[in-house]
C-alpha atoms as a PDB file:
ATOM      1  CA  MET A   1      -0.051   0.063   0.100  1.00  0.00           C
ATOM      2  CA  SER A   2       3.035   2.353   0.229  1.00  0.00           C
ATOM      3  CA  LEU A   3       2.934   2.677  -3.621  1.00  0.00           C
ATOM      4  CA  TYR A   4      -0.440   4.849  -3.100  1.00  0.00           C
ATOM      5  CA  ASP A   5      -0.782   8.186  -1.497  1.00  0.00           C
ATOM      6  CA  SER A   6      -3.887   6.862   0.425  1.00  0.00           C
ATOM      7  CA  PHE A   7      -6.413   4.162   0.392  1.00  0.00           C
ATOM      8  CA  LEU A   8      -9.985   3.426   1.777  1.00  0.00           C
ATOM      9  CA  PHE A   9     -12.124   0.677   2.810  1.00  0.00           C
ATOM     10  CA  PHE A  10     -15.693   1.018   1.891  1.00  0.00           C
ATOM     11  CA  VAL A  11     -17.791  -1.606   4.355  1.00  0.00           C
ATOM     12  CA  SER A  12     -21.480  -2.304   3.931  1.00  0.00           C
ATOM     13  CA  VAL A  13     -23.541  -4.400   6.230  1.00  0.00           C
ATOM     14  CA  GLY A  14     -25.564  -6.588   4.151  1.00  0.00           C
ATOM     15  CA  PRO A  15     -29.436  -6.639   3.735  1.00  0.00           C
ATOM     16  CA  LEU A  16     -29.696  -9.970   5.515  1.00  0.00           C
ATOM     17  CA  TRP A  17     -27.850  -8.753   8.782  1.00  0.00           C
ATOM     18  CA  ASN A  18     -29.455 -10.262  11.767  1.00  0.00           C
ATOM     19  CA  GLY A  19     -30.362  -7.196  13.816  1.00  0.00           C
ATOM     20  CA  ALA A  20     -29.803  -9.273  17.266  1.00  0.00           C
ATOM     21  CA  ASP A  21     -26.111  -9.229  16.355  1.00  0.00           C
ATOM     22  CA  GLN A  22     -23.539  -6.269  16.639  1.00  0.00           C
ATOM     23  CA  LEU A  23     -20.447  -5.568  14.666  1.00  0.00           C
ATOM     24  CA  ASP A  24     -17.840  -5.770  17.465  1.00  0.00           C
ATOM     25  CA  ALA A  25     -14.713  -4.594  15.764  1.00  0.00           C
ATOM     26  CA  LEU A  26     -13.878  -2.744  12.550  1.00  0.00           C
ATOM     27  CA  SER A  27     -10.312  -1.778  12.094  1.00  0.00           C
ATOM     28  CA  ILE A  28      -7.347  -1.591   9.539  1.00  0.00           C
ATOM     29  CA  VAL A  29      -4.308  -3.806  10.569  1.00  0.00           C
ATOM     30  CA  GLN A  30      -0.948  -3.542   8.951  1.00  0.00           C
ATOM     31  CA  ALA A  31       1.604  -6.283   8.317  1.00  0.00           C
ATOM     32  CA  SER A  32       5.048  -6.892   6.687  1.00  0.00           C
ATOM     33  CA  ASP A  33       3.771  -9.499   4.328  1.00  0.00           C
ATOM     34  CA  ALA A  34       0.565 -10.946   2.746  1.00  0.00           C
ATOM     35  CA  THR A  35       0.245 -13.625   5.383  1.00  0.00           C
ATOM     36  CA  GLY A  36      -0.126 -10.959   8.087  1.00  0.00           C
ATOM     37  CA  THR A  37       3.538 -11.581   9.641  1.00  0.00           C
ATOM     38  CA  GLY A  38       3.888  -8.989  12.657  1.00  0.00           C
ATOM     39  CA  ALA A  39       0.489  -7.515  12.390  1.00  0.00           C
ATOM     40  CA  LYS A  40      -0.376  -4.453  14.504  1.00  0.00           C
ATOM     41  CA  ALA A  41      -3.320  -1.963  14.380  1.00  0.00           C
ATOM     42  CA  LEU A  42      -3.210   1.120  12.388  1.00  0.00           C
ATOM     43  CA  ALA A  43      -5.406   4.031  13.490  1.00  0.00           C
ATOM     44  CA  PRO A  44      -7.410   5.153  10.533  1.00  0.00           C
ATOM     45  CA  ASN A  45      -9.655   8.276   9.824  1.00  0.00           C
ATOM     46  CA  ALA A  46     -12.751   6.627  10.093  1.00  0.00           C
ATOM     47  CA  LYS A  47     -15.904   8.241   8.900  1.00  0.00           C
ATOM     48  CA  ASN A  48     -19.404   7.390  10.285  1.00  0.00           C
ATOM     49  CA  LEU A  49     -18.061   4.730  12.409  1.00  0.00           C
ATOM     50  CA  ASP A  50     -19.348   3.850  15.804  1.00  0.00           C
ATOM     51  CA  GLN A  51     -17.285   0.551  16.339  1.00  0.00           C
ATOM     52  CA  THR A  52     -19.964  -1.153  18.534  1.00  0.00           C
ATOM     53  CA  ALA A  53     -23.206   0.076  16.946  1.00  0.00           C
ATOM     54  CA  ALA A  54     -23.409  -1.552  13.540  1.00  0.00           C
ATOM     55  CA  ASN A  55     -26.348  -3.841  13.896  1.00  0.00           C
ATOM     56  CA  THR A  56     -28.841  -2.578  11.228  1.00  0.00           C
ATOM     57  CA  ALA A  57     -28.744  -3.671   7.633  1.00  0.00           C
ATOM     58  CA  GLY A  58     -27.783  -1.404   5.036  1.00  0.00           C
ATOM     59  CA  GLU A  59     -25.411   0.517   7.277  1.00  0.00           C
ATOM     60  CA  SER A  60     -21.798   1.673   5.800  1.00  0.00           C
ATOM     61  CA  PHE A  61     -18.450   2.798   6.832  1.00  0.00           C
ATOM     62  CA  ILE A  62     -15.704   4.436   5.292  1.00  0.00           C
ATOM     63  CA  LEU A  63     -12.095   3.970   6.708  1.00  0.00           C
ATOM     64  CA  GLU A  64      -9.513   6.199   5.334  1.00  0.00           C
ATOM     65  CA  CYS A  65      -5.710   6.044   5.602  1.00  0.00           C
ATOM     66  CA  LYS A  66      -2.753   7.831   4.242  1.00  0.00           C
ATOM     67  CA  ALA A  67       0.357   5.841   3.107  1.00  0.00           C
ATOM     68  CA  ALA A  68       2.305   8.080   5.470  1.00  0.00           C
ATOM     69  CA  ASP A  69       0.412   6.355   8.549  1.00  0.00           C
ATOM     70  CA  LEU A  70       2.017   3.097   7.560  1.00  0.00           C
ATOM     71  CA  ASP A  71       5.197   1.996   9.233  1.00  0.00           C
ATOM     72  CA  THR A  72       7.017   1.523   6.074  1.00  0.00           C
ATOM     73  CA  GLU A  73      10.380   2.086   7.882  1.00  0.00           C
ATOM     74  CA  GLY A  74       9.477  -1.050  10.101  1.00  0.00           C
ATOM     75  CA  GLY A  75       8.799  -3.101   6.897  1.00  0.00           C
ATOM     76  CA  PHE A  76       4.965  -2.766   6.997  1.00  0.00           C
ATOM     77  CA  HIS A  77       3.630  -2.449   3.518  1.00  0.00           C
ATOM     78  CA  TRP A  78       0.350  -4.642   3.497  1.00  0.00           C
ATOM     79  CA  VAL A  79      -3.024  -3.620   5.091  1.00  0.00           C
ATOM     80  CA  ARG A  80      -6.157  -5.812   5.970  1.00  0.00           C
ATOM     81  CA  LEU A  81      -9.605  -4.941   7.225  1.00  0.00           C
ATOM     82  CA  GLU A  82     -10.604  -6.781  10.327  1.00  0.00           C
ATOM     83  CA  CYS A  83     -14.312  -7.072  10.830  1.00  0.00           C
ATOM     84  CA  THR A  84     -15.711  -9.261  13.604  1.00  0.00           C
ATOM     85  CA  GLU A  85     -19.009 -10.299  15.169  1.00  0.00           C
ATOM     86  CA  ALA A  86     -18.280 -12.570  18.235  1.00  0.00           C
ATOM     87  CA  GLY A  87     -21.976 -13.225  19.124  1.00  0.00           C
ATOM     88  CA  ASN A  88     -23.306 -14.586  15.715  1.00  0.00           C
ATOM     89  CA  THR A  89     -27.075 -15.717  16.230  1.00  0.00           C
ATOM     90  CA  GLY A  90     -27.829 -15.898  12.656  1.00  0.00           C
ATOM     91  CA  VAL A  91     -27.015 -14.802   9.118  1.00  0.00           C
ATOM     92  CA  ASP A  92     -24.525 -11.929   9.031  1.00  0.00           C
ATOM     93  CA  GLU A  93     -22.935 -10.444   5.984  1.00  0.00           C
ATOM     94  CA  VAL A  94     -20.427  -7.626   5.291  1.00  0.00           C
ATOM     95  CA  SER A  95     -19.199  -6.523   1.915  1.00  0.00           C
ATOM     96  CA  VAL A  96     -15.776  -4.724   1.865  1.00  0.00           C
ATOM     97  CA  THR A  97     -14.062  -2.758  -1.044  1.00  0.00           C
ATOM     98  CA  LEU A  98     -10.723  -1.581  -0.928  1.00  0.00           C
ATOM     99  CA  VAL A  99      -9.897   1.542  -3.038  1.00  0.00           C
ATOM    100  CA  LYS A 100      -6.219   2.728  -3.566  1.00  0.00           C
ATOM    101  CA  ILE A 101      -5.707   6.307  -4.338  1.00  0.00           C
ATOM    102  CA  ASN A 102      -3.287   8.192  -6.324  1.00  0.00           C
ATOM    103  CA  GLY A 103      -0.497   5.435  -7.489  1.00  0.00           C
ATOM    104  CA  ARG A 104       3.076   6.544  -7.010  1.00  0.00           C
ATOM    105  CA  PHE A 105       4.524   5.682 -10.458  1.00  0.00           C
ATOM    106  CA  GLN A 106       7.261   7.578 -12.379  1.00  0.00           C
ATOM    107  CA  TYR A 107       5.980   8.829 -15.486  1.00  0.00           C
ATOM    108  CA  ASP A 108       9.521   7.898 -17.091  1.00  0.00           C
ATOM    109  CA  ASP A 109       8.765   4.206 -16.302  1.00  0.00           C
ATOM    110  CA  MET A 110       5.347   4.381 -17.715  1.00  0.00           C
ATOM    111  CA  SER A 111       6.767   4.399 -21.417  1.00  0.00           C
ATOM    112  CA  ALA A 112       8.557   1.229 -20.914  1.00  0.00           C
ATOM    113  CA  VAL A 113       5.407  -0.401 -19.531  1.00  0.00           C
ATOM    114  CA  THR A 114       3.085   0.751 -22.330  1.00  0.00           C
ATOM    115  CA  ASP A 115       5.676   0.704 -25.216  1.00  0.00           C
ATOM    116  CA  ASN A 116       5.242   4.221 -25.730  1.00  0.00           C
ATOM    117  CA  VAL A 117       8.268   6.437 -26.331  1.00  0.00           C
END
């Protein structure tokens, strides 16, 4: 993720969400590789987020982070969204979309990739 200026997760509680359940946690975690090695919390700028009140079908959340918030000097270049519901009593569904913003590519390198001179 450090190759982008920022990123966001769009999280939507599905239409079949069981209202007796509650979304217990919603957070971004950073890691040093794709398998989650050394995972640690990342404090995002969360919009519309009350982490213990998501219990209604159709609710949505946006969690935003800047690449500068990642511990890249410590080798953390990977992120994942953790979304949990510990007391599942029925059907619960959540969809997640990751949006990467402003890729950091050198224009000089793009000509080699596209065969444009």
